[in-house]
């Protein structure tokens, strides 16, 4: 069995090659325009390569994109096997990766929080100390 490092290198190479195929439009399926390969995981037996994809539009087109990859799967696998030298080339499985959408959503939330702090700044420690002094004087 290959080491974890070797599996990672194979996954990285598959990711790089599929990305180049998409950029060079070697895969001529219009459903796959604007798609990004976010990650590739190869199992220990080299039987399967799990390929995670995302698109700028988000999950709106996820089914369409995954169908495009499934229909082109054998063609992509053939091209990859000619470019990457392995005894037996893993079967390709495609999955939608929601990570970029989640990261964008988190970024929007953080931006909203920052904007709220600019409009409604929280009291500084000096202001809080003054309030504490005024309370103790009243006692």
N, C-alpha and C. Protein backbone atom coordinates (compact mmCIF):
# COMPACT_ATOMS: atom_id res chain seq x y z
N UNK A 1 0.83 -1.19 0.00
CA UNK A 1 0.00 0.00 0.00
C UNK A 1 0.87 1.25 0.00
N UNK A 2 0.46 2.25 -0.75
CA UNK A 2 1.23 3.49 -0.80
C UNK A 2 1.14 4.26 0.51
N UNK A 3 2.15 5.05 0.76
CA UNK A 3 2.16 5.87 1.97
C UNK A 3 1.16 7.03 1.82
N UNK A 4 0.87 7.68 2.95
CA UNK A 4 -0.05 8.83 2.93
C UNK A 4 0.51 9.95 2.05
N UNK A 5 1.82 10.13 2.11
CA UNK A 5 2.46 11.16 1.30
C UNK A 5 2.27 10.87 -0.19
N UNK A 6 2.47 9.62 -0.57
CA UNK A 6 2.29 9.24 -1.98
C UNK A 6 0.84 9.43 -2.41
N UNK A 7 -0.10 9.04 -1.56
CA UNK A 7 -1.53 9.23 -1.89
C UNK A 7 -1.86 10.71 -2.06
N UNK A 8 -1.28 11.54 -1.20
CA UNK A 8 -1.49 12.98 -1.30
C UNK A 8 -0.92 13.52 -2.60
N UNK A 9 0.27 13.06 -2.97
CA UNK A 9 0.89 13.52 -4.22
C UNK A 9 0.07 13.10 -5.43
N UNK A 10 -0.45 11.87 -5.41
CA UNK A 10 -1.29 11.40 -6.51
C UNK A 10 -2.55 12.25 -6.59
N UNK A 11 -3.17 12.51 -5.44
CA UNK A 11 -4.37 13.35 -5.41
C UNK A 11 -4.10 14.75 -5.93
N UNK A 12 -2.98 15.33 -5.52
CA UNK A 12 -2.61 16.68 -5.98
C UNK A 12 -2.39 16.70 -7.49
N UNK A 13 -1.77 15.64 -7.99
CA UNK A 13 -1.51 15.56 -9.45
C UNK A 13 -2.82 15.42 -10.22
N UNK A 14 -3.73 14.59 -9.72
CA UNK A 14 -5.03 14.44 -10.37
C UNK A 14 -5.76 15.78 -10.38
N UNK A 15 -5.74 16.49 -9.25
CA UNK A 15 -6.38 17.80 -9.15
C UNK A 15 -5.79 18.77 -10.18
N UNK A 16 -4.48 18.79 -10.26
CA UNK A 16 -3.80 19.68 -11.20
C UNK A 16 -4.18 19.35 -12.65
N UNK A 17 -4.17 18.06 -12.99
CA UNK A 17 -4.46 17.66 -14.37
C UNK A 17 -5.91 17.96 -14.76
N UNK A 18 -6.86 17.66 -13.88
CA UNK A 18 -8.26 17.94 -14.20
C UNK A 18 -8.48 19.45 -14.32
N UNK A 19 -7.84 20.22 -13.44
CA UNK A 19 -7.96 21.68 -13.51
C UNK A 19 -7.44 22.19 -14.85
N UNK A 20 -6.31 21.66 -15.29
CA UNK A 20 -5.76 22.06 -16.59
C UNK A 20 -6.68 21.65 -17.73
N UNK A 21 -7.29 20.47 -17.64
CA UNK A 21 -8.24 20.03 -18.67
C UNK A 21 -9.41 21.01 -18.76
N UNK A 22 -9.89 21.47 -17.62
CA UNK A 22 -11.01 22.42 -17.61
C UNK A 22 -10.60 23.76 -18.20
N UNK A 23 -9.41 24.23 -17.85
CA UNK A 23 -8.94 25.53 -18.34
C UNK A 23 -8.71 25.46 -19.85
N UNK A 24 -8.11 24.38 -20.32
CA UNK A 24 -7.83 24.22 -21.75
C UNK A 24 -9.05 23.77 -22.54
N UNK A 25 -10.14 23.56 -21.86
CA UNK A 25 -11.41 23.11 -22.45
C UNK A 25 -11.26 21.80 -23.21
N UNK A 26 -10.45 20.89 -22.64
CA UNK A 26 -10.31 19.56 -23.20
C UNK A 26 -11.56 18.73 -22.92
N UNK A 27 -12.30 19.13 -21.91
CA UNK A 27 -13.58 18.50 -21.60
C UNK A 27 -14.62 19.47 -22.14
N UNK A 28 -15.29 19.10 -23.20
CA UNK A 28 -16.14 20.07 -23.90
C UNK A 28 -17.60 20.02 -23.45
N UNK A 29 -17.84 19.77 -22.19
CA UNK A 29 -19.20 19.76 -21.67
C UNK A 29 -19.52 21.16 -21.15
N UNK A 30 -20.54 21.83 -21.71
CA UNK A 30 -20.84 23.20 -21.26
C UNK A 30 -21.29 23.28 -19.80
N UNK A 31 -21.71 22.16 -19.23
CA UNK A 31 -22.12 22.17 -17.82
C UNK A 31 -20.93 22.38 -16.89
N UNK A 32 -19.71 22.19 -17.41
CA UNK A 32 -18.53 22.26 -16.55
C UNK A 32 -17.77 23.58 -16.65
N UNK A 33 -18.40 24.60 -17.21
CA UNK A 33 -17.74 25.91 -17.26
C UNK A 33 -17.80 26.58 -15.89
N UNK A 34 -16.72 27.22 -15.52
CA UNK A 34 -16.66 27.93 -14.25
C UNK A 34 -16.55 27.02 -13.04
N UNK A 35 -16.07 25.80 -13.25
CA UNK A 35 -15.96 24.82 -12.16
C UNK A 35 -14.53 24.81 -11.63
N UNK A 36 -14.40 24.62 -10.34
CA UNK A 36 -13.10 24.53 -9.68
C UNK A 36 -12.99 23.18 -8.98
N UNK A 37 -11.84 22.55 -9.11
CA UNK A 37 -11.55 21.32 -8.38
C UNK A 37 -10.94 21.77 -7.06
N UNK A 38 -11.64 21.51 -5.95
CA UNK A 38 -11.17 22.00 -4.65
C UNK A 38 -10.28 21.00 -3.93
N UNK A 39 -10.49 19.70 -4.17
CA UNK A 39 -9.69 18.70 -3.46
C UNK A 39 -9.85 17.35 -4.14
N UNK A 40 -8.85 16.50 -3.97
CA UNK A 40 -8.91 15.12 -4.45
C UNK A 40 -8.34 14.22 -3.36
N UNK A 41 -9.09 13.22 -2.99
CA UNK A 41 -8.66 12.23 -2.00
C UNK A 41 -8.61 10.87 -2.68
N UNK A 42 -7.48 10.20 -2.57
CA UNK A 42 -7.32 8.87 -3.15
C UNK A 42 -7.30 7.87 -2.00
N UNK A 43 -8.09 6.79 -2.13
CA UNK A 43 -8.13 5.79 -1.06
C UNK A 43 -6.86 4.95 -1.05
N UNK A 44 -6.63 4.24 0.04
CA UNK A 44 -5.38 3.49 0.25
C UNK A 44 -5.14 2.39 -0.78
N UNK A 45 -6.20 1.84 -1.35
CA UNK A 45 -6.05 0.77 -2.33
C UNK A 45 -5.91 1.30 -3.75
N UNK A 46 -5.95 2.62 -3.91
CA UNK A 46 -5.93 3.28 -5.22
C UNK A 46 -7.08 2.82 -6.10
N UNK A 47 -8.20 2.46 -5.48
CA UNK A 47 -9.37 2.01 -6.23
C UNK A 47 -10.25 3.19 -6.63
N UNK A 48 -10.32 4.20 -5.77
CA UNK A 48 -11.18 5.35 -6.02
C UNK A 48 -10.45 6.66 -5.74
N UNK A 49 -10.78 7.64 -6.56
CA UNK A 49 -10.34 9.01 -6.32
C UNK A 49 -11.60 9.83 -6.12
N UNK A 50 -11.76 10.40 -4.94
CA UNK A 50 -12.91 11.25 -4.65
C UNK A 50 -12.53 12.68 -4.99
N UNK A 51 -13.25 13.25 -5.95
CA UNK A 51 -12.92 14.57 -6.47
C UNK A 51 -14.00 15.54 -6.02
N UNK A 52 -13.58 16.60 -5.33
CA UNK A 52 -14.51 17.59 -4.79
C UNK A 52 -14.48 18.82 -5.69
N UNK A 53 -15.68 19.25 -6.09
CA UNK A 53 -15.79 20.36 -7.04
C UNK A 53 -16.68 21.46 -6.47
N UNK A 54 -16.48 22.65 -6.99
CA UNK A 54 -17.28 23.80 -6.60
C UNK A 54 -17.39 24.73 -7.81
N UNK A 55 -18.31 25.69 -7.73
CA UNK A 55 -18.48 26.65 -8.82
C UNK A 55 -18.77 28.02 -8.24
N UNK A 56 -18.54 29.04 -9.04
CA UNK A 56 -18.75 30.41 -8.60
C UNK A 56 -20.21 30.67 -8.25
N UNK A 57 -21.13 30.04 -8.97
CA UNK A 57 -22.56 30.27 -8.74
C UNK A 57 -23.03 29.64 -7.44
N UNK A 58 -22.25 28.78 -6.87
CA UNK A 58 -22.66 28.09 -5.66
C UNK A 58 -23.42 26.82 -5.98
N UNK A 59 -24.16 26.35 -5.01
CA UNK A 59 -24.81 25.06 -5.12
C UNK A 59 -26.02 25.05 -6.06
N UNK A 60 -26.35 26.20 -6.64
CA UNK A 60 -27.47 26.27 -7.57
C UNK A 60 -27.30 25.29 -8.73
N UNK A 61 -26.09 25.16 -9.22
CA UNK A 61 -25.81 24.28 -10.37
C UNK A 61 -25.17 22.96 -9.96
N UNK A 62 -25.16 22.63 -8.69
CA UNK A 62 -24.42 21.46 -8.25
C UNK A 62 -24.86 20.17 -8.93
N UNK A 63 -26.15 19.93 -9.04
CA UNK A 63 -26.63 18.70 -9.69
C UNK A 63 -26.20 18.65 -11.15
N UNK A 64 -26.36 19.77 -11.83
CA UNK A 64 -25.98 19.85 -13.25
C UNK A 64 -24.49 19.58 -13.43
N UNK A 65 -23.66 20.17 -12.58
CA UNK A 65 -22.22 20.00 -12.68
C UNK A 65 -21.82 18.57 -12.38
N UNK A 66 -22.39 17.99 -11.33
CA UNK A 66 -22.05 16.60 -10.99
C UNK A 66 -22.50 15.65 -12.10
N UNK A 67 -23.63 15.91 -12.73
CA UNK A 67 -24.06 15.08 -13.86
C UNK A 67 -23.07 15.21 -15.02
N UNK A 68 -22.59 16.41 -15.26
CA UNK A 68 -21.59 16.63 -16.32
C UNK A 68 -20.33 15.84 -16.06
N UNK A 69 -19.87 15.86 -14.82
CA UNK A 69 -18.66 15.10 -14.49
C UNK A 69 -18.90 13.60 -14.58
N UNK A 70 -20.07 13.15 -14.14
CA UNK A 70 -20.37 11.72 -14.22
C UNK A 70 -20.38 11.24 -15.67
N UNK A 71 -20.96 12.04 -16.55
CA UNK A 71 -21.01 11.63 -17.95
C UNK A 71 -19.63 11.67 -18.61
N UNK A 72 -18.75 12.54 -18.14
CA UNK A 72 -17.40 12.65 -18.70
C UNK A 72 -16.38 11.83 -17.92
N UNK A 73 -16.82 11.12 -16.90
CA UNK A 73 -15.92 10.41 -16.00
C UNK A 73 -14.96 9.46 -16.70
N UNK A 74 -15.47 8.62 -17.59
CA UNK A 74 -14.60 7.66 -18.28
C UNK A 74 -13.59 8.36 -19.18
N UNK A 75 -14.02 9.42 -19.84
CA UNK A 75 -13.13 10.19 -20.70
C UNK A 75 -12.02 10.85 -19.87
N UNK A 76 -12.41 11.45 -18.76
CA UNK A 76 -11.42 12.11 -17.88
C UNK A 76 -10.44 11.08 -17.35
N UNK A 77 -10.96 9.93 -16.93
CA UNK A 77 -10.10 8.86 -16.40
C UNK A 77 -9.10 8.39 -17.46
N UNK A 78 -9.55 8.27 -18.70
CA UNK A 78 -8.66 7.85 -19.79
C UNK A 78 -7.54 8.87 -20.00
N UNK A 79 -7.91 10.16 -20.04
CA UNK A 79 -6.90 11.21 -20.21
C UNK A 79 -5.91 11.21 -19.05
N UNK A 80 -6.44 11.07 -17.83
CA UNK A 80 -5.57 11.06 -16.66
C UNK A 80 -4.61 9.87 -16.69
N UNK A 81 -5.09 8.71 -17.10
CA UNK A 81 -4.23 7.52 -17.11
C UNK A 81 -3.10 7.66 -18.12
N UNK A 82 -3.31 8.48 -19.16
CA UNK A 82 -2.23 8.72 -20.13
C UNK A 82 -1.20 9.71 -19.59
N UNK A 83 -1.62 10.57 -18.66
CA UNK A 83 -0.73 11.61 -18.13
C UNK A 83 -0.07 11.25 -16.81
N UNK A 84 -0.71 10.38 -16.04
CA UNK A 84 -0.18 10.00 -14.73
C UNK A 84 0.09 8.50 -14.76
N UNK A 85 1.32 8.16 -14.51
CA UNK A 85 1.71 6.75 -14.62
C UNK A 85 1.41 5.99 -13.33
N UNK A 86 0.38 5.14 -13.40
CA UNK A 86 0.01 4.26 -12.30
C UNK A 86 -0.30 2.88 -12.90
N UNK A 87 -0.05 1.82 -12.15
CA UNK A 87 -0.38 0.47 -12.65
C UNK A 87 -1.86 0.34 -12.98
N UNK A 88 -2.69 0.70 -12.04
CA UNK A 88 -4.14 0.69 -12.24
C UNK A 88 -4.65 2.06 -11.82
N UNK A 89 -5.42 2.68 -12.68
CA UNK A 89 -5.87 4.02 -12.37
C UNK A 89 -7.19 3.96 -11.61
N UNK A 90 -7.30 4.76 -10.54
CA UNK A 90 -8.52 4.71 -9.72
C UNK A 90 -9.76 5.19 -10.48
N UNK A 91 -10.90 4.68 -10.07
CA UNK A 91 -12.18 5.16 -10.60
C UNK A 91 -12.44 6.53 -9.99
N UNK A 92 -13.12 7.36 -10.74
CA UNK A 92 -13.37 8.73 -10.31
C UNK A 92 -14.78 8.87 -9.76
N UNK A 93 -14.86 9.48 -8.59
CA UNK A 93 -16.15 9.82 -7.97
C UNK A 93 -16.16 11.31 -7.71
N UNK A 94 -17.25 11.96 -8.07
CA UNK A 94 -17.33 13.41 -7.94
C UNK A 94 -18.33 13.79 -6.86
N UNK A 95 -17.93 14.78 -6.05
CA UNK A 95 -18.76 15.25 -4.95
C UNK A 95 -18.78 16.78 -4.96
N UNK A 96 -19.89 17.35 -4.51
CA UNK A 96 -19.99 18.79 -4.38
C UNK A 96 -19.30 19.23 -3.10
N UNK A 97 -18.50 20.28 -3.16
CA UNK A 97 -17.79 20.80 -1.99
C UNK A 97 -18.42 22.13 -1.58
N UNK A 98 -19.14 22.15 -0.46
CA UNK A 98 -19.78 23.40 -0.01
C UNK A 98 -18.84 24.34 0.73
N UNK A 99 -17.60 23.98 0.91
CA UNK A 99 -16.65 24.78 1.70
C UNK A 99 -16.52 26.22 1.20
N UNK A 100 -16.33 26.47 -0.11
CA UNK A 100 -16.20 27.87 -0.54
C UNK A 100 -17.44 28.71 -0.23
N UNK A 101 -18.62 28.10 -0.35
CA UNK A 101 -19.85 28.83 -0.03
C UNK A 101 -19.92 29.14 1.46
N UNK A 102 -19.53 28.17 2.28
CA UNK A 102 -19.54 28.40 3.73
C UNK A 102 -18.55 29.48 4.11
N UNK A 103 -17.37 29.45 3.50
CA UNK A 103 -16.36 30.47 3.79
C UNK A 103 -16.86 31.85 3.40
N UNK A 104 -17.54 31.94 2.27
CA UNK A 104 -18.10 33.21 1.82
C UNK A 104 -19.16 33.70 2.80
N UNK A 105 -19.99 32.79 3.27
CA UNK A 105 -21.04 33.15 4.24
C UNK A 105 -20.42 33.65 5.55
N UNK A 106 -19.39 32.98 6.02
CA UNK A 106 -18.70 33.40 7.24
C UNK A 106 -18.09 34.79 7.05
N UNK A 107 -17.51 35.01 5.87
CA UNK A 107 -16.91 36.30 5.57
C UNK A 107 -17.97 37.41 5.57
N UNK A 108 -19.16 37.11 5.05
CA UNK A 108 -20.25 38.09 5.06
C UNK A 108 -20.68 38.41 6.49
N UNK A 109 -20.76 37.39 7.33
CA UNK A 109 -21.15 37.60 8.73
C UNK A 109 -20.11 38.45 9.45
N UNK A 110 -18.84 38.14 9.25
CA UNK A 110 -17.77 38.92 9.89
C UNK A 110 -17.79 40.37 9.40
N UNK A 111 -18.05 40.57 8.12
CA UNK A 111 -18.12 41.91 7.57
C UNK A 111 -19.28 42.69 8.20
N UNK A 112 -20.41 42.03 8.38
CA UNK A 112 -21.56 42.66 9.02
C UNK A 112 -21.23 43.05 10.46
N UNK A 113 -20.55 42.17 11.16
CA UNK A 113 -20.15 42.46 12.55
C UNK A 113 -19.21 43.66 12.58
N UNK A 114 -18.23 43.69 11.67
CA UNK A 114 -17.30 44.82 11.61
C UNK A 114 -18.04 46.12 11.33
N UNK A 115 -18.98 46.08 10.39
CA UNK A 115 -19.76 47.28 10.05
C UNK A 115 -20.58 47.75 11.25
N UNK A 116 -21.18 46.82 11.98
CA UNK A 116 -21.96 47.17 13.17
C UNK A 116 -21.09 47.81 14.24
N UNK A 117 -19.86 47.33 14.40
CA UNK A 117 -18.96 47.90 15.41
C UNK A 117 -18.53 49.31 15.04
N UNK A 118 -18.43 49.58 13.74
CA UNK A 118 -18.07 50.94 13.30
C UNK A 118 -19.22 51.90 13.60
N UNK A 119 -20.44 51.46 13.34
CA UNK A 119 -21.61 52.31 13.56
C UNK A 119 -21.91 52.43 15.05
N UNK A 120 -21.85 51.32 15.78
CA UNK A 120 -22.16 51.29 17.22
C UNK A 120 -20.94 50.77 17.99
N UNK A 121 -19.95 51.61 18.21
CA UNK A 121 -18.76 51.12 18.90
C UNK A 121 -19.08 50.70 20.33
N UNK A 122 -18.41 49.65 20.77
CA UNK A 122 -18.61 49.20 22.15
C UNK A 122 -17.86 50.14 23.09
N UNK A 123 -18.33 50.28 24.33
CA UNK A 123 -17.66 51.20 25.27
C UNK A 123 -16.23 50.75 25.54
N UNK A 124 -15.36 51.73 25.66
CA UNK A 124 -13.96 51.41 25.95
C UNK A 124 -13.83 51.14 27.44
N UNK A 125 -12.70 50.64 27.84
CA UNK A 125 -12.48 50.34 29.26
C UNK A 125 -12.49 51.61 30.10
N UNK A 126 -12.03 52.75 29.54
CA UNK A 126 -12.05 54.01 30.30
C UNK A 126 -13.48 54.42 30.61
N UNK A 127 -14.35 54.29 29.60
CA UNK A 127 -15.76 54.66 29.82
C UNK A 127 -16.38 53.74 30.85
N UNK A 128 -16.04 52.49 30.82
CA UNK A 128 -16.57 51.52 31.78
C UNK A 128 -16.07 51.85 33.17
N UNK A 129 -14.78 52.24 33.31
CA UNK A 129 -14.23 52.60 34.61
C UNK A 129 -14.94 53.83 35.17
N UNK A 130 -15.22 54.80 34.30
CA UNK A 130 -15.92 55.99 34.76
C UNK A 130 -17.31 55.64 35.28
N UNK A 131 -17.98 54.76 34.58
CA UNK A 131 -19.32 54.33 35.02
C UNK A 131 -19.23 53.64 36.39
N UNK A 132 -18.18 52.85 36.62
CA UNK A 132 -18.01 52.17 37.88
C UNK A 132 -17.76 53.17 39.02
N UNK A 133 -16.97 54.23 38.72
CA UNK A 133 -16.69 55.25 39.72
C UNK A 133 -17.97 56.00 40.11
N UNK A 134 -18.79 56.29 39.12
CA UNK A 134 -20.00 57.04 39.42
C UNK A 134 -20.97 56.20 40.27
N UNK A 135 -20.94 54.91 40.05
CA UNK A 135 -21.80 54.02 40.84
C UNK A 135 -21.32 53.99 42.30
N UNK A 136 -20.01 53.93 42.51
CA UNK A 136 -19.50 53.83 43.86
C UNK A 136 -19.70 55.15 44.62
N UNK A 137 -19.72 56.28 43.94
CA UNK A 137 -19.92 57.57 44.57
C UNK A 137 -21.35 57.69 45.09
N UNK A 138 -22.28 57.09 44.36
CA UNK A 138 -23.66 57.19 44.76
C UNK A 138 -23.93 56.42 46.05
N UNK A 139 -23.12 55.42 46.35
CA UNK A 139 -23.35 54.60 47.54
C UNK A 139 -23.10 55.35 48.76
